[in-house]
C-alpha atoms as a PDB file:
ATOM      1  CA  UNK A   1       0.000   0.000   0.000  1.00  0.00           C
ATOM      2  CA  UNK A   2       1.291   3.444  -0.882  1.00  0.00           C
ATOM      3  CA  UNK A   3      -0.112   6.380   1.089  1.00  0.00           C
ATOM      4  CA  UNK A   4       0.713   9.963   0.142  1.00  0.00           C
ATOM      5  CA  UNK A   5      -0.172  13.042   2.164  1.00  0.00           C
ATOM      6  CA  UNK A   6       1.110  16.416   3.307  1.00  0.00           C
ATOM      7  CA  UNK A   7       2.488  17.171   6.762  1.00  0.00           C
ATOM      8  CA  UNK A   8       2.533  20.706   8.097  1.00  0.00           C
ATOM      9  CA  UNK A   9       6.065  21.626   9.102  1.00  0.00           C
ATOM     10  CA  UNK A  10       6.208  22.945  12.658  1.00  0.00           C
ATOM     11  CA  UNK A  11       9.005  25.420  12.024  1.00  0.00           C
ATOM     12  CA  UNK A  12       9.391  29.058  11.137  1.00  0.00           C
ATOM     13  CA  UNK A  13       8.302  28.388   7.545  1.00  0.00           C
ATOM     14  CA  UNK A  14       5.019  26.489   8.289  1.00  0.00           C
ATOM     15  CA  UNK A  15       5.075  24.901   4.866  1.00  0.00           C
ATOM     16  CA  UNK A  16       3.686  21.591   3.651  1.00  0.00           C
ATOM     17  CA  UNK A  17       6.041  18.612   3.500  1.00  0.00           C
ATOM     18  CA  UNK A  18       5.142  15.787   1.107  1.00  0.00           C
ATOM     19  CA  UNK A  19       5.208  12.388   2.842  1.00  0.00           C
ATOM     20  CA  UNK A  20       4.821   8.925   1.309  1.00  0.00           C
ATOM     21  CA  UNK A  21       4.461   5.679   3.275  1.00  0.00           C
ATOM     22  CA  UNK A  22       5.017   2.319   1.582  1.00  0.00           C
ATOM     23  CA  UNK A  23       3.895  -0.813   3.462  1.00  0.00           C
ATOM     24  CA  UNK A  24       3.121  -4.403   2.549  1.00  0.00           C
ATOM     25  CA  UNK A  25      -0.476  -4.798   3.745  1.00  0.00           C
ATOM     26  CA  UNK A  26      -0.197  -8.589   3.577  1.00  0.00           C
ATOM     27  CA  UNK A  27       2.157  -8.478   6.567  1.00  0.00           C
ATOM     28  CA  UNK A  28       0.823  -8.231  10.117  1.00  0.00           C
ATOM     29  CA  UNK A  29       2.289  -5.766  12.616  1.00  0.00           C
ATOM     30  CA  UNK A  30       4.340  -8.570  14.186  1.00  0.00           C
ATOM     31  CA  UNK A  31       5.880  -9.384  10.785  1.00  0.00           C
ATOM     32  CA  UNK A  32       7.112  -5.812  10.254  1.00  0.00           C
ATOM     33  CA  UNK A  33      10.787  -5.835  11.227  1.00  0.00           C
ATOM     34  CA  UNK A  34      11.381  -2.076  11.303  1.00  0.00           C
ATOM     35  CA  UNK A  35      10.970   1.303   9.674  1.00  0.00           C
ATOM     36  CA  UNK A  36      13.169   2.992   7.118  1.00  0.00           C
ATOM     37  CA  UNK A  37      13.316   6.639   6.063  1.00  0.00           C
ATOM     38  CA  UNK A  38      14.687   7.338   2.598  1.00  0.00           C
ATOM     39  CA  UNK A  39      15.830  10.919   2.052  1.00  0.00           C
ATOM     40  CA  UNK A  40      16.577  12.327  -1.394  1.00  0.00           C
ATOM     41  CA  UNK A  41      19.677  14.277  -2.359  1.00  0.00           C
ATOM     42  CA  UNK A  42      20.031  17.858  -3.532  1.00  0.00           C
ATOM     43  CA  UNK A  43      17.991  18.436  -6.712  1.00  0.00           C
ATOM     44  CA  UNK A  44      15.985  15.201  -6.410  1.00  0.00           C
ATOM     45  CA  UNK A  45      12.617  14.173  -4.985  1.00  0.00           C
ATOM     46  CA  UNK A  46      11.311  11.196  -3.042  1.00  0.00           C
ATOM     47  CA  UNK A  47       9.807   9.709  -6.223  1.00  0.00           C
ATOM     48  CA  UNK A  48      13.345   8.624  -7.122  1.00  0.00           C
ATOM     49  CA  UNK A  49      13.176   6.051  -4.290  1.00  0.00           C
ATOM     50  CA  UNK A  50       9.681   4.663  -4.896  1.00  0.00           C
ATOM     51  CA  UNK A  51      10.780   1.422  -6.579  1.00  0.00           C
ATOM     52  CA  UNK A  52      13.409   0.559  -3.921  1.00  0.00           C
ATOM     53  CA  UNK A  53      10.843   1.474  -1.239  1.00  0.00           C
ATOM     54  CA  UNK A  54       8.448  -1.110  -2.627  1.00  0.00           C
ATOM     55  CA  UNK A  55      11.167  -3.753  -2.481  1.00  0.00           C
ATOM     56  CA  UNK A  56      12.022  -2.853   1.123  1.00  0.00           C
ATOM     57  CA  UNK A  57       8.333  -2.992   2.060  1.00  0.00           C
ATOM     58  CA  UNK A  58       7.968  -6.447   0.543  1.00  0.00           C
ATOM     59  CA  UNK A  59      10.834  -7.523   2.815  1.00  0.00           C
ATOM     60  CA  UNK A  60       9.123  -6.415   6.017  1.00  0.00           C
ATOM     61  CA  UNK A  61       9.932  -2.720   6.426  1.00  0.00           C
ATOM     62  CA  UNK A  62       7.651   0.285   6.719  1.00  0.00           C
ATOM     63  CA  UNK A  63       9.237   2.844   4.386  1.00  0.00           C
ATOM     64  CA  UNK A  64       8.805   6.612   4.694  1.00  0.00           C
ATOM     65  CA  UNK A  65       9.756   8.978   1.868  1.00  0.00           C
ATOM     66  CA  UNK A  66       9.851  12.715   2.482  1.00  0.00           C
ATOM     67  CA  UNK A  67      10.361  15.595   0.058  1.00  0.00           C
ATOM     68  CA  UNK A  68      12.437  18.271   1.738  1.00  0.00           C
ATOM     69  CA  UNK A  69      11.223  21.871   1.657  1.00  0.00           C
ATOM     70  CA  UNK A  70      11.439  23.229  -1.885  1.00  0.00           C
ATOM     71  CA  UNK A  71      11.812  19.804  -3.529  1.00  0.00           C
ATOM     72  CA  UNK A  72       9.336  17.480  -5.243  1.00  0.00           C
ATOM     73  CA  UNK A  73       5.762  18.081  -4.080  1.00  0.00           C
ATOM     74  CA  UNK A  74       6.700  19.964  -0.876  1.00  0.00           C
ATOM     75  CA  UNK A  75       6.012  23.675  -0.731  1.00  0.00           C
ATOM     76  CA  UNK A  76       8.665  26.337  -0.489  1.00  0.00           C
ATOM     77  CA  UNK A  77      11.114  28.044  -2.810  1.00  0.00           C
ATOM     78  CA  UNK A  78      12.460  25.647  -5.410  1.00  0.00           C
ATOM     79  CA  UNK A  79      15.871  24.153  -4.774  1.00  0.00           C
ATOM     80  CA  UNK A  80      17.708  26.550  -7.086  1.00  0.00           C
ATOM     81  CA  UNK A  81      16.975  29.440  -4.724  1.00  0.00           C
ATOM     82  CA  UNK A  82      18.162  27.768  -1.513  1.00  0.00           C
ATOM     83  CA  UNK A  83      21.510  26.753  -0.137  1.00  0.00           C
ATOM     84  CA  UNK A  84      21.913  23.382   1.520  1.00  0.00           C
ATOM     85  CA  UNK A  85      22.167  25.146   4.908  1.00  0.00           C
ATOM     86  CA  UNK A  86      18.730  26.764   4.366  1.00  0.00           C
ATOM     87  CA  UNK A  87      17.031  23.425   3.710  1.00  0.00           C
END
């Protein structure tokens, strides 16, 4: 199952952060071995990791993908206008 939603950032920017959860719904809670967060690099988005996330989920992990502020579907100035320190 792939669930996509927006989280409101509780920081000085109060912008929306795009969040995707990938989980194998055929597995029970006791069969889930852990959680994994995949974070994209500079100039990318979380969509880049969707296929690996599916593979991890099929192997018993809950996978969370997050677009940083200004990247992918998250709100904020696009990456070309920010420095890495500002992200």
